[in-house]
C-alpha atoms as a PDB file:
ATOM      1  CA  MET A   1      -5.107  77.626 -61.973  1.00  0.00           C
ATOM      2  CA  PRO A   2      -2.614  80.530 -63.048  1.00  0.00           C
ATOM      3  CA  ASP A   3       0.339  78.847 -61.196  1.00  0.00           C
ATOM      4  CA  ASN A   4       0.323  75.285 -62.430  1.00  0.00           C
ATOM      5  CA  LYS A   5       3.979  74.671 -62.592  1.00  0.00           C
ATOM      6  CA  ILE A   6       5.422  70.921 -61.878  1.00  0.00           C
ATOM      7  CA  SER A   7       8.633  71.923 -61.042  1.00  0.00           C
ATOM      8  CA  ASN A   8       9.147  69.040 -57.754  1.00  0.00           C
ATOM      9  CA  ALA A   9       8.165  66.424 -60.517  1.00  0.00           C
ATOM     10  CA  LYS A  10       9.531  67.769 -63.348  1.00  0.00           C
ATOM     11  CA  SER A  11      12.974  65.831 -63.454  1.00  0.00           C
ATOM     12  CA  SER A  12      11.125  62.864 -63.194  1.00  0.00           C
ATOM     13  CA  LEU A  13       8.424  63.050 -65.430  1.00  0.00           C
ATOM     14  CA  ILE A  14      11.394  64.260 -68.164  1.00  0.00           C
ATOM     15  CA  SER A  15      12.937  61.002 -67.224  1.00  0.00           C
ATOM     16  CA  ARG A  16      10.181  58.609 -67.381  1.00  0.00           C
ATOM     17  CA  LEU A  17       8.836  60.081 -70.600  1.00  0.00           C
ATOM     18  CA  ASN A  18      12.063  60.317 -72.257  1.00  0.00           C
ATOM     19  CA  ARG A  19      12.347  56.554 -71.297  1.00  0.00           C
ATOM     20  CA  ILE A  20       8.960  56.010 -72.959  1.00  0.00           C
ATOM     21  CA  GLU A  21       9.992  57.820 -75.816  1.00  0.00           C
ATOM     22  CA  GLY A  22      12.280  55.092 -76.585  1.00  0.00           C
ATOM     23  CA  GLN A  23      10.121  52.386 -75.575  1.00  0.00           C
ATOM     24  CA  ILE A  24       7.807  53.867 -78.402  1.00  0.00           C
ATOM     25  CA  ARG A  25      10.410  53.620 -80.842  1.00  0.00           C
ATOM     26  CA  GLY A  26      11.620  49.886 -79.781  1.00  0.00           C
ATOM     27  CA  ILE A  27       7.898  49.148 -80.644  1.00  0.00           C
ATOM     28  CA  ARG A  28       8.116  51.073 -83.858  1.00  0.00           C
ATOM     29  CA  ASN A  29      10.610  49.368 -84.761  1.00  0.00           C
ATOM     30  CA  MET A  30       9.601  45.671 -84.137  1.00  0.00           C
ATOM     31  CA  ILE A  31       6.680  46.058 -86.342  1.00  0.00           C
ATOM     32  CA  GLU A  32       9.224  47.296 -88.579  1.00  0.00           C
ATOM     33  CA  ASP A  33      11.039  43.819 -88.162  1.00  0.00           C
ATOM     34  CA  ASP A  34       7.847  41.858 -88.469  1.00  0.00           C
ATOM     35  CA  LYS A  35       8.830  40.363 -84.482  1.00  0.00           C
ATOM     36  CA  TYR A  36       6.385  37.945 -83.098  1.00  0.00           C
ATOM     37  CA  CYS A  37       3.257  39.863 -82.535  1.00  0.00           C
ATOM     38  CA  VAL A  38       3.155  38.827 -78.471  1.00  0.00           C
ATOM     39  CA  ASP A  39       6.037  40.397 -78.051  1.00  0.00           C
ATOM     40  CA  VAL A  40       4.725  43.344 -79.508  1.00  0.00           C
ATOM     41  CA  PHE A  41       2.023  43.256 -77.299  1.00  0.00           C
ATOM     42  CA  ILE A  42       4.257  42.894 -74.407  1.00  0.00           C
ATOM     43  CA  GLN A  43       6.171  46.047 -75.314  1.00  0.00           C
ATOM     44  CA  VAL A  44       3.012  47.764 -75.940  1.00  0.00           C
ATOM     45  CA  ALA A  45       1.684  47.041 -72.092  1.00  0.00           C
ATOM     46  CA  ALA A  46       5.300  48.121 -70.460  1.00  0.00           C
ATOM     47  CA  ALA A  47       5.070  51.563 -72.458  1.00  0.00           C
ATOM     48  CA  LYS A  48       1.293  51.732 -71.288  1.00  0.00           C
ATOM     49  CA  SER A  49       1.750  51.044 -67.408  1.00  0.00           C
ATOM     50  CA  ALA A  50       4.515  53.671 -67.640  1.00  0.00           C
ATOM     51  CA  LEU A  51       2.857  56.401 -69.520  1.00  0.00           C
ATOM     52  CA  ASN A  52       0.172  55.700 -66.447  1.00  0.00           C
ATOM     53  CA  SER A  53       2.945  56.040 -64.022  1.00  0.00           C
ATOM     54  CA  VAL A  54       3.436  59.331 -65.806  1.00  0.00           C
ATOM     55  CA  SER A  55      -0.151  60.503 -65.374  1.00  0.00           C
ATOM     56  CA  ALA A  56      -0.392  58.865 -61.636  1.00  0.00           C
ATOM     57  CA  LEU A  57       2.692  60.809 -60.434  1.00  0.00           C
ATOM     58  CA  LEU A  58       1.670  64.003 -62.593  1.00  0.00           C
ATOM     59  CA  MET A  59      -1.868  64.163 -60.831  1.00  0.00           C
ATOM     60  CA  GLU A  60       0.035  63.404 -57.300  1.00  0.00           C
ATOM     61  CA  SER A  61       2.023  66.601 -57.802  1.00  0.00           C
ATOM     62  CA  HIS A  62      -1.541  68.656 -59.077  1.00  0.00           C
ATOM     63  CA  ILE A  63      -2.905  67.692 -55.920  1.00  0.00           C
ATOM     64  CA  LYS A  64      -0.465  68.776 -53.601  1.00  0.00           C
ATOM     65  CA  ARG A  65       0.473  71.677 -55.391  1.00  0.00           C
ATOM     66  CA  CYS A  66      -2.479  73.154 -57.446  1.00  0.00           C
ATOM     67  CA  VAL A  67      -5.091  71.917 -55.588  1.00  0.00           C
ATOM     68  CA  LYS A  68      -4.056  72.451 -51.979  1.00  0.00           C
ATOM     69  CA  LYS A  69      -3.056  76.376 -52.879  1.00  0.00           C
ATOM     70  CA  ALA A  70      -6.398  76.905 -54.342  1.00  0.00           C
ATOM     71  CA  ILE A  71      -8.207  75.281 -51.631  1.00  0.00           C
ATOM     72  CA  ASP A  72      -6.142  77.581 -49.502  1.00  0.00           C
ATOM     73  CA  SER A  73      -6.841  80.602 -51.018  1.00  0.00           C
ATOM     74  CA  GLY A  74     -10.760  79.881 -51.018  1.00  0.00           C
ATOM     75  CA  HIS A  75     -10.847  78.917 -54.821  1.00  0.00           C
ATOM     76  CA  GLY A  76     -11.703  75.004 -53.726  1.00  0.00           C
ATOM     77  CA  GLU A  77     -14.980  74.838 -55.022  1.00  0.00           C
ATOM     78  CA  GLU A  78     -13.716  75.833 -58.725  1.00  0.00           C
ATOM     79  CA  VAL A  79     -10.456  73.549 -58.384  1.00  0.00           C
ATOM     80  CA  LEU A  80     -12.713  70.454 -57.071  1.00  0.00           C
ATOM     81  CA  ASP A  81     -14.995  70.758 -60.119  1.00  0.00           C
ATOM     82  CA  GLU A  82     -11.900  71.285 -62.793  1.00  0.00           C
ATOM     83  CA  LEU A  83     -10.172  68.134 -61.311  1.00  0.00           C
ATOM     84  CA  THR A  84     -13.576  66.467 -61.431  1.00  0.00           C
ATOM     85  CA  GLU A  85     -13.551  66.902 -64.927  1.00  0.00           C
ATOM     86  CA  VAL A  86      -9.837  66.213 -65.316  1.00  0.00           C
ATOM     87  CA  MET A  87     -10.756  62.331 -64.037  1.00  0.00           C
ATOM     88  CA  LYS A  88     -13.609  62.167 -66.303  1.00  0.00           C
ATOM     89  CA  LYS A  89     -11.511  62.535 -69.262  1.00  0.00           C
ATOM     90  CA  TYR A  90      -8.431  60.325 -67.893  1.00  0.00           C
ATOM     91  CA  PHE A  91     -11.001  57.257 -67.215  1.00  0.00           C
ATOM     92  CA  LYS A  92     -13.066  57.911 -70.092  1.00  0.00           C
END
């Protein structure tokens, strides 16, 4: 869809991604410093969970804004096909 702006959720998404970047740097440092594997796994799980939260927020924003707009303008079938493909890739 041409109008795929995420402006309403943009600042929240960017803030979350900045935190995730910090988590990833921390994980790299833990590995470089030979930290205990279980502690590294715990941090990886936390980063993975944070990334899943970003995905959920992005999907919510897309559905409420882009999908709704496409349905309202008569392009429901196309946007639902697109959404289905995106979800297949995400859950793969």
